[in-house]
C-alpha atoms as a PDB file:
ATOM      1  CA  MET A   1      10.243 -55.790  17.031  1.00  0.00           C
ATOM      2  CA  ARG A   2      14.019 -55.397  17.169  1.00  0.00           C
ATOM      3  CA  GLN A   3      14.348 -58.841  18.713  1.00  0.00           C
ATOM      4  CA  LEU A   4      12.381 -60.267  15.808  1.00  0.00           C
ATOM      5  CA  GLU A   5      14.718 -58.621  13.286  1.00  0.00           C
ATOM      6  CA  HIS A   6      17.695 -60.072  15.143  1.00  0.00           C
ATOM      7  CA  GLN A   7      16.140 -63.560  15.067  1.00  0.00           C
ATOM      8  CA  ILE A   8      15.580 -63.236  11.325  1.00  0.00           C
ATOM      9  CA  LYS A   9      19.215 -62.225  10.743  1.00  0.00           C
ATOM     10  CA  THR A  10      20.535 -65.230  12.660  1.00  0.00           C
ATOM     11  CA  LEU A  11      18.408 -67.782  10.788  1.00  0.00           C
ATOM     12  CA  PRO A  12      19.799 -69.793   7.862  1.00  0.00           C
ATOM     13  CA  GLU A  13      18.529 -68.669   4.432  1.00  0.00           C
ATOM     14  CA  ARG A  14      15.950 -71.419   3.938  1.00  0.00           C
ATOM     15  CA  GLU A  15      14.507 -71.034   7.423  1.00  0.00           C
ATOM     16  CA  LYS A  16      14.541 -67.278   6.997  1.00  0.00           C
ATOM     17  CA  LEU A  17      12.298 -67.602   3.955  1.00  0.00           C
ATOM     18  CA  SER A  18       9.749 -69.852   5.624  1.00  0.00           C
ATOM     19  CA  PHE A  19       9.828 -67.662   8.727  1.00  0.00           C
ATOM     20  CA  LEU A  20       9.160 -64.544   6.669  1.00  0.00           C
ATOM     21  CA  LEU A  21       6.329 -66.282   4.810  1.00  0.00           C
ATOM     22  CA  GLU A  22       4.764 -67.388   8.097  1.00  0.00           C
ATOM     23  CA  THR A  23       5.096 -63.888   9.528  1.00  0.00           C
ATOM     24  CA  LYS A  24       3.558 -62.417   6.372  1.00  0.00           C
ATOM     25  CA  LYS A  25       0.634 -64.813   6.599  1.00  0.00           C
ATOM     26  CA  VAL A  26       0.091 -64.023  10.271  1.00  0.00           C
ATOM     27  CA  THR A  27       0.195 -60.307   9.486  1.00  0.00           C
ATOM     28  CA  GLU A  28      -2.319 -60.742   6.651  1.00  0.00           C
ATOM     29  CA  ASP A  29      -4.596 -62.768   8.934  1.00  0.00           C
ATOM     30  CA  LEU A  30      -4.385 -60.016  11.555  1.00  0.00           C
ATOM     31  CA  ILE A  31      -5.184 -57.310   9.013  1.00  0.00           C
ATOM     32  CA  PHE A  32      -8.095 -59.368   7.692  1.00  0.00           C
ATOM     33  CA  ALA A  33      -9.391 -59.958  11.218  1.00  0.00           C
ATOM     34  CA  LYS A  34      -9.159 -56.245  11.957  1.00  0.00           C
ATOM     35  CA  GLN A  35     -11.046 -55.395   8.745  1.00  0.00           C
ATOM     36  CA  THR A  36     -13.844 -57.886   9.400  1.00  0.00           C
ATOM     37  CA  GLU A  37     -13.962 -56.731  13.016  1.00  0.00           C
ATOM     38  CA  GLY A  38     -14.466 -53.186  11.759  1.00  0.00           C
ATOM     39  CA  VAL A  39     -17.279 -54.336   9.487  1.00  0.00           C
ATOM     40  CA  GLU A  40     -18.994 -56.170  12.347  1.00  0.00           C
ATOM     41  CA  PHE A  41     -18.562 -53.123  14.539  1.00  0.00           C
ATOM     42  CA  ARG A  42     -20.191 -50.838  11.963  1.00  0.00           C
ATOM     43  CA  LYS A  43     -23.092 -53.272  11.546  1.00  0.00           C
ATOM     44  CA  ASN A  44     -23.684 -53.192  15.290  1.00  0.00           C
ATOM     45  CA  GLU A  45     -23.521 -49.399  15.380  1.00  0.00           C
ATOM     46  CA  LYS A  46     -26.461 -49.068  12.953  1.00  0.00           C
ATOM     47  CA  ARG A  47     -28.862 -50.913  15.261  1.00  0.00           C
END
């Protein structure tokens, strides 16, 4: 994670913004995947 922070600091402003947006989207996708995974898991448990 520290390496990531360092990369962000060394990027130019405009690239920094797009990088942060991409990272945010990836994080949201991961969270969403985890949530849906949890739902699937609970469905399977009931059987």
